[in-house]
Amino acid sequence: KVTIFNREQAEKVGLHSFLAVAQGTDEPPRFIIIESGKKEKGKDTVALLGKGITFDTGGISLKSREGMPS
């Protein structure tokens, strides 16, 4: 099962930290949930988290322009 939240849906469910980070780009944010398998009583749930980016300076320029190849 795949669920994709756009900006408005992310605001509605309270993904405030995600939306704060998304302010750093002109691209529209997407929050994607991929679920596989079924829940079993007495079994732990495994969660994997990731961040899809094309270029990230870490929010602050710690290197000179020459030190940050693109």
PDB file of N, CA and C in Angstrom:
ATOM      1  N   LYS A   1       0.858  -1.174   0.000  1.00  0.00           N
ATOM      2  CA  LYS A   1       0.000   0.000   0.000  1.00  0.00           C
ATOM      3  C   LYS A   1       0.903   1.236   0.000  1.00  0.00           C
ATOM      4  N   VAL A   2       0.606   2.182  -0.859  1.00  0.00           N
ATOM      5  CA  VAL A   2       1.380   3.424  -0.940  1.00  0.00           C
ATOM      6  C   VAL A   2       0.441   4.604  -0.693  1.00  0.00           C
ATOM      7  N   THR A   3       0.845   5.488   0.228  1.00  0.00           N
ATOM      8  CA  THR A   3       0.089   6.704   0.522  1.00  0.00           C
ATOM      9  C   THR A   3       1.012   7.890   0.283  1.00  0.00           C
ATOM     10  N   ILE A   4       0.557   8.864  -0.500  1.00  0.00           N
ATOM     11  CA  ILE A   4       1.367  10.045  -0.810  1.00  0.00           C
ATOM     12  C   ILE A   4       0.633  11.293  -0.330  1.00  0.00           C
ATOM     13  N   PHE A   5       1.290  12.060   0.538  1.00  0.00           N
ATOM     14  CA  PHE A   5       0.728  13.309   1.050  1.00  0.00           C
ATOM     15  C   PHE A   5       1.326  14.482   0.285  1.00  0.00           C
ATOM     16  N   ASN A   6       0.489  15.412  -0.189  1.00  0.00           N
ATOM     17  CA  ASN A   6       0.986  16.664  -0.750  1.00  0.00           C
ATOM     18  C   ASN A   6       1.085  17.684   0.394  1.00  0.00           C
ATOM     19  N   ARG A   7       1.416  18.924   0.078  1.00  0.00           N
ATOM     20  CA  ARG A   7       1.607  19.942   1.118  1.00  0.00           C
ATOM     21  C   ARG A   7       0.355  20.107   1.989  1.00  0.00           C
ATOM     22  N   GLU A   8      -0.797  20.226   1.358  1.00  0.00           N
ATOM     23  CA  GLU A   8      -2.038  20.458   2.110  1.00  0.00           C
ATOM     24  C   GLU A   8      -2.361  19.278   3.023  1.00  0.00           C
ATOM     25  N   GLN A   9      -2.166  18.073   2.539  1.00  0.00           N
ATOM     26  CA  GLN A   9      -2.435  16.888   3.353  1.00  0.00           C
ATOM     27  C   GLN A   9      -1.441  16.783   4.504  1.00  0.00           C
ATOM     28  N   ALA A  10      -0.175  17.132   4.248  1.00  0.00           N
ATOM     29  CA  ALA A  10       0.839  17.102   5.302  1.00  0.00           C
ATOM     30  C   ALA A  10       0.508  18.120   6.394  1.00  0.00           C
ATOM     31  N   GLU A  11       0.021  19.297   5.997  1.00  0.00           N
ATOM     32  CA  GLU A  11      -0.396  20.304   6.980  1.00  0.00           C
ATOM     33  C   GLU A  11      -1.554  19.779   7.823  1.00  0.00           C
ATOM     34  N   LYS A  12      -2.511  19.138   7.173  1.00  0.00           N
ATOM     35  CA  LYS A  12      -3.708  18.649   7.856  1.00  0.00           C
ATOM     36  C   LYS A  12      -3.376  17.610   8.935  1.00  0.00           C
ATOM     37  N   VAL A  13      -2.385  16.744   8.677  1.00  0.00           N
ATOM     38  CA  VAL A  13      -2.034  15.704   9.652  1.00  0.00           C
ATOM     39  C   VAL A  13      -0.907  16.133  10.594  1.00  0.00           C
ATOM     40  N   GLY A  14      -0.415  17.374  10.460  1.00  0.00           N
ATOM     41  CA  GLY A  14       0.546  17.917  11.417  1.00  0.00           C
ATOM     42  C   GLY A  14       1.999  17.549  11.188  1.00  0.00           C
ATOM     43  N   LEU A  15       2.426  17.394   9.942  1.00  0.00           N
ATOM     44  CA  LEU A  15       3.828  17.092   9.642  1.00  0.00           C
ATOM     45  C   LEU A  15       4.644  18.383   9.582  1.00  0.00           C
ATOM     46  N   HIS A  16       4.684  19.104  10.694  1.00  0.00           N
ATOM     47  CA  HIS A  16       5.274  20.444  10.740  1.00  0.00           C
ATOM     48  C   HIS A  16       6.783  20.455  10.488  1.00  0.00           C
ATOM     49  N   SER A  17       7.518  19.521  11.071  1.00  0.00           N
ATOM     50  CA  SER A  17       8.972  19.485  10.852  1.00  0.00           C
ATOM     51  C   SER A  17       9.291  19.193   9.394  1.00  0.00           C
ATOM     52  N   PHE A  18       8.577  18.257   8.806  1.00  0.00           N
ATOM     53  CA  PHE A  18       8.745  17.934   7.387  1.00  0.00           C
ATOM     54  C   PHE A  18       8.497  19.166   6.525  1.00  0.00           C
ATOM     55  N   LEU A  19       7.425  19.889   6.814  1.00  0.00           N
ATOM     56  CA  LEU A  19       7.078  21.075   6.028  1.00  0.00           C
ATOM     57  C   LEU A  19       8.087  22.205   6.230  1.00  0.00           C
ATOM     58  N   ALA A  20       8.678  22.294   7.427  1.00  0.00           N
ATOM     59  CA  ALA A  20       9.698  23.313   7.676  1.00  0.00           C
ATOM     60  C   ALA A  20      10.918  23.060   6.794  1.00  0.00           C
ATOM     61  N   VAL A  21      11.343  21.807   6.688  1.00  0.00           N
ATOM     62  CA  VAL A  21      12.482  21.464   5.833  1.00  0.00           C
ATOM     63  C   VAL A  21      12.134  21.706   4.369  1.00  0.00           C
ATOM     64  N   ALA A  22      10.895  21.431   3.988  1.00  0.00           N
ATOM     65  CA  ALA A  22      10.458  21.583   2.595  1.00  0.00           C
ATOM     66  C   ALA A  22      10.457  23.037   2.132  1.00  0.00           C
ATOM     67  N   GLN A  23      10.542  23.988   3.055  1.00  0.00           N
ATOM     68  CA  GLN A  23      10.582  25.398   2.672  1.00  0.00           C
ATOM     69  C   GLN A  23      11.875  25.754   1.942  1.00  0.00           C
ATOM     70  N   GLY A  24      12.869  24.884   2.018  1.00  0.00           N
ATOM     71  CA  GLY A  24      14.161  25.159   1.401  1.00  0.00           C
ATOM     72  C   GLY A  24      14.229  24.850  -0.082  1.00  0.00           C
ATOM     73  N   THR A  25      13.117  24.528  -0.717  1.00  0.00           N
ATOM     74  CA  THR A  25      13.125  24.199  -2.141  1.00  0.00           C
ATOM     75  C   THR A  25      11.901  24.782  -2.843  1.00  0.00           C
ATOM     76  N   ASP A  26      12.027  24.950  -4.141  1.00  0.00           N
ATOM     77  CA  ASP A  26      10.889  25.388  -4.949  1.00  0.00           C
ATOM     78  C   ASP A  26      10.016  24.210  -5.366  1.00  0.00           C
ATOM     79  N   GLU A  27      10.526  22.990  -5.182  1.00  0.00           N
ATOM     80  CA  GLU A  27       9.778  21.786  -5.572  1.00  0.00           C
ATOM     81  C   GLU A  27       8.671  21.503  -4.559  1.00  0.00           C
ATOM     82  N   PRO A  28       7.516  21.025  -5.016  1.00  0.00           N
ATOM     83  CA  PRO A  28       6.435  20.712  -4.081  1.00  0.00           C
ATOM     84  C   PRO A  28       6.796  19.497  -3.221  1.00  0.00           C
ATOM     85  N   PRO A  29       6.526  19.564  -1.914  1.00  0.00           N
ATOM     86  CA  PRO A  29       6.879  18.447  -1.037  1.00  0.00           C
ATOM     87  C   PRO A  29       5.938  17.263  -1.220  1.00  0.00           C
ATOM     88  N   ARG A  30       6.480  16.081  -1.014  1.00  0.00           N
ATOM     89  CA  ARG A  30       5.694  14.855  -1.015  1.00  0.00           C
ATOM     90  C   ARG A  30       6.178  13.997   0.150  1.00  0.00           C
ATOM     91  N   PHE A  31       5.260  13.540   0.980  1.00  0.00           N
ATOM     92  CA  PHE A  31       5.573  12.636   2.088  1.00  0.00           C
ATOM     93  C   PHE A  31       4.971  11.295   1.711  1.00  0.00           C
ATOM     94  N   ILE A  32       5.803  10.275   1.567  1.00  0.00           N
ATOM     95  CA  ILE A  32       5.358   8.989   1.036  1.00  0.00           C
ATOM     96  C   ILE A  32       5.462   7.907   2.106  1.00  0.00           C
ATOM     97  N   ILE A  33       4.383   7.162   2.282  1.00  0.00           N
ATOM     98  CA  ILE A  33       4.350   6.025   3.200  1.00  0.00           C
ATOM     99  C   ILE A  33       4.147   4.765   2.364  1.00  0.00           C
ATOM    100  N   ILE A  34       5.060   3.805   2.526  1.00  0.00           N
ATOM    101  CA  ILE A  34       4.952   2.522   1.832  1.00  0.00           C
ATOM    102  C   ILE A  34       4.797   1.444   2.897  1.00  0.00           C
ATOM    103  N   GLU A  35       3.703   0.716   2.832  1.00  0.00           N
ATOM    104  CA  GLU A  35       3.428  -0.342   3.805  1.00  0.00           C
ATOM    105  C   GLU A  35       3.439  -1.690   3.092  1.00  0.00           C
ATOM    106  N   SER A  36       4.043  -2.676   3.733  1.00  0.00           N
ATOM    107  CA  SER A  36       4.122  -4.011   3.157  1.00  0.00           C
ATOM    108  C   SER A  36       3.836  -5.045   4.238  1.00  0.00           C
ATOM    109  N   GLY A  37       3.166  -6.095   3.872  1.00  0.00           N
ATOM    110  CA  GLY A  37       2.888  -7.155   4.835  1.00  0.00           C
ATOM    111  C   GLY A  37       1.670  -6.842   5.677  1.00  0.00           C
ATOM    112  N   LYS A  38       1.508  -7.610   6.729  1.00  0.00           N
ATOM    113  CA  LYS A  38       0.363  -7.417   7.609  1.00  0.00           C
ATOM    114  C   LYS A  38       0.833  -7.335   9.050  1.00  0.00           C
ATOM    115  N   LYS A  39       0.048  -6.674   9.873  1.00  0.00           N
ATOM    116  CA  LYS A  39       0.357  -6.583  11.294  1.00  0.00           C
ATOM    117  C   LYS A  39       0.021  -7.913  11.949  1.00  0.00           C
ATOM    118  N   GLU A  40       0.939  -8.390  12.784  1.00  0.00           N
ATOM    119  CA  GLU A  40       0.709  -9.634  13.496  1.00  0.00           C
ATOM    120  C   GLU A  40       0.800  -9.378  14.992  1.00  0.00           C
ATOM    121  N   LYS A  41      -0.186  -9.859  15.722  1.00  0.00           N
ATOM    122  CA  LYS A  41      -0.217  -9.681  17.169  1.00  0.00           C
ATOM    123  C   LYS A  41       1.019 -10.326  17.791  1.00  0.00           C
ATOM    124  N   GLY A  42       1.669  -9.583  18.678  1.00  0.00           N
ATOM    125  CA  GLY A  42       2.859 -10.087  19.347  1.00  0.00           C
ATOM    126  C   GLY A  42       4.147  -9.906  18.565  1.00  0.00           C
ATOM    127  N   LYS A  43       4.073  -9.360  17.365  1.00  0.00           N
ATOM    128  CA  LYS A  43       5.269  -9.125  16.546  1.00  0.00           C
ATOM    129  C   LYS A  43       5.587  -7.636  16.515  1.00  0.00           C
ATOM    130  N   ASP A  44       6.874  -7.321  16.526  1.00  0.00           N
ATOM    131  CA  ASP A  44       7.297  -5.926  16.439  1.00  0.00           C
ATOM    132  C   ASP A  44       7.051  -5.379  15.037  1.00  0.00           C
ATOM    133  N   THR A  45       6.833  -4.077  14.963  1.00  0.00           N
ATOM    134  CA  THR A  45       6.702  -3.389  13.684  1.00  0.00           C
ATOM    135  C   THR A  45       8.059  -2.805  13.313  1.00  0.00           C
ATOM    136  N   VAL A  46       8.454  -2.956  12.073  1.00  0.00           N
ATOM    137  CA  VAL A  46       9.714  -2.402  11.580  1.00  0.00           C
ATOM    138  C   VAL A  46       9.400  -1.153  10.767  1.00  0.00           C
ATOM    139  N   ALA A  47      10.108  -0.058  11.054  1.00  0.00           N
ATOM    140  CA  ALA A  47       9.920   1.191  10.317  1.00  0.00           C
ATOM    141  C   ALA A  47      11.261   1.623   9.727  1.00  0.00           C
ATOM    142  N   LEU A  48      11.266   1.936   8.447  1.00  0.00           N
ATOM    143  CA  LEU A  48      12.450   2.447   7.764  1.00  0.00           C
ATOM    144  C   LEU A  48      12.154   3.868   7.316  1.00  0.00           C
ATOM    145  N   LEU A  49      13.073   4.787   7.601  1.00  0.00           N
ATOM    146  CA  LEU A  49      12.881   6.190   7.249  1.00  0.00           C
ATOM    147  C   LEU A  49      13.968   6.621   6.285  1.00  0.00           C
ATOM    148  N   GLY A  50      13.608   7.495   5.364  1.00  0.00           N
ATOM    149  CA  GLY A  50      14.589   7.993   4.416  1.00  0.00           C
ATOM    150  C   GLY A  50      14.254   9.407   3.981  1.00  0.00           C
ATOM    151  N   LYS A  51      15.218  10.042   3.342  1.00  0.00           N
ATOM    152  CA  LYS A  51      15.040  11.409   2.856  1.00  0.00           C
ATOM    153  C   LYS A  51      15.538  11.444   1.419  1.00  0.00           C
ATOM    154  N   GLY A  52      14.677  11.847   0.508  1.00  0.00           N
ATOM    155  CA  GLY A  52      15.074  11.944  -0.892  1.00  0.00           C
ATOM    156  C   GLY A  52      15.491  13.365  -1.228  1.00  0.00           C
ATOM    157  N   ILE A  53      16.743  13.544  -1.631  1.00  0.00           N
ATOM    158  CA  ILE A  53      17.248  14.878  -1.959  1.00  0.00           C
ATOM    159  C   ILE A  53      18.067  14.811  -3.243  1.00  0.00           C
ATOM    160  N   THR A  54      18.246  15.943  -3.870  1.00  0.00           N
ATOM    161  CA  THR A  54      19.142  16.017  -5.017  1.00  0.00           C
ATOM    162  C   THR A  54      20.415  16.789  -4.674  1.00  0.00           C
ATOM    163  N   PHE A  55      20.345  17.697  -3.719  1.00  0.00           N
ATOM    164  CA  PHE A  55      21.518  18.453  -3.269  1.00  0.00           C
ATOM    165  C   PHE A  55      21.199  19.023  -1.899  1.00  0.00           C
ATOM    166  N   ASP A  56      22.083  18.823  -0.947  1.00  0.00           N
ATOM    167  CA  ASP A  56      21.824  19.282   0.416  1.00  0.00           C
ATOM    168  C   ASP A  56      23.107  19.847   1.000  1.00  0.00           C
ATOM    169  N   THR A  57      23.080  21.108   1.375  1.00  0.00           N
ATOM    170  CA  THR A  57      24.258  21.728   1.985  1.00  0.00           C
ATOM    171  C   THR A  57      24.217  21.624   3.498  1.00  0.00           C
ATOM    172  N   GLY A  58      23.181  20.993   4.039  1.00  0.00           N
ATOM    173  CA  GLY A  58      23.070  20.863   5.479  1.00  0.00           C
ATOM    174  C   GLY A  58      22.463  22.089   6.128  1.00  0.00           C
ATOM    175  N   GLY A  59      21.942  23.006   5.344  1.00  0.00           N
ATOM    176  CA  GLY A  59      21.278  24.181   5.893  1.00  0.00           C
ATOM    177  C   GLY A  59      22.199  25.361   6.127  1.00  0.00           C
ATOM    178  N   ILE A  60      23.497  25.126   6.079  1.00  0.00           N
ATOM    179  CA  ILE A  60      24.447  26.220   6.291  1.00  0.00           C
ATOM    180  C   ILE A  60      25.700  25.923   5.468  1.00  0.00           C
ATOM    181  N   SER A  61      26.292  26.942   4.931  1.00  0.00           N
ATOM    182  CA  SER A  61      27.480  26.756   4.108  1.00  0.00           C
ATOM    183  C   SER A  61      28.721  26.697   4.996  1.00  0.00           C
ATOM    184  N   LEU A  62      29.194  25.485   5.269  1.00  0.00           N
ATOM    185  CA  LEU A  62      30.384  25.311   6.094  1.00  0.00           C
ATOM    186  C   LEU A  62      31.654  25.278   5.255  1.00  0.00           C
ATOM    187  N   LYS A  63      31.490  25.073   3.960  1.00  0.00           N
ATOM    188  CA  LYS A  63      32.630  25.019   3.056  1.00  0.00           C
ATOM    189  C   LYS A  63      32.577  26.212   2.109  1.00  0.00           C
ATOM    190  N   SER A  64      33.735  26.519   1.548  1.00  0.00           N
ATOM    191  CA  SER A  64      33.757  27.563   0.525  1.00  0.00           C
ATOM    192  C   SER A  64      33.047  27.046  -0.720  1.00  0.00           C
ATOM    193  N   ARG A  65      32.666  27.939  -1.586  1.00  0.00           N
ATOM    194  CA  ARG A  65      31.991  27.543  -2.831  1.00  0.00           C
ATOM    195  C   ARG A  65      32.845  26.526  -3.601  1.00  0.00           C
ATOM    196  N   GLU A  66      34.158  26.720  -3.621  1.00  0.00           N
ATOM    197  CA  GLU A  66      35.050  25.810  -4.330  1.00  0.00           C
ATOM    198  C   GLU A  66      35.090  24.436  -3.663  1.00  0.00           C
ATOM    199  N   GLY A  67      34.816  24.380  -2.358  1.00  0.00           N
ATOM    200  CA  GLY A  67      34.869  23.119  -1.615  1.00  0.00           C
ATOM    201  C   GLY A  67      33.597  22.304  -1.685  1.00  0.00           C
ATOM    202  N   MET A  68      32.592  22.807  -2.421  1.00  0.00           N
ATOM    203  CA  MET A  68      31.319  22.097  -2.525  1.00  0.00           C
ATOM    204  C   MET A  68      31.010  21.807  -3.984  1.00  0.00           C
ATOM    205  N   PRO A  69      31.580  20.706  -4.514  1.00  0.00           N
ATOM    206  CA  PRO A  69      31.310  20.382  -5.918  1.00  0.00           C
ATOM    207  C   PRO A  69      29.835  20.068  -6.125  1.00  0.00           C
ATOM    208  N   SER A  70      29.329  20.455  -7.287  1.00  0.00           N
ATOM    209  CA  SER A  70      27.919  20.166  -7.584  1.00  0.00           C
ATOM    210  C   SER A  70      27.780  19.471  -8.918  1.00  0.00           C
TER     211      SER A  70
END
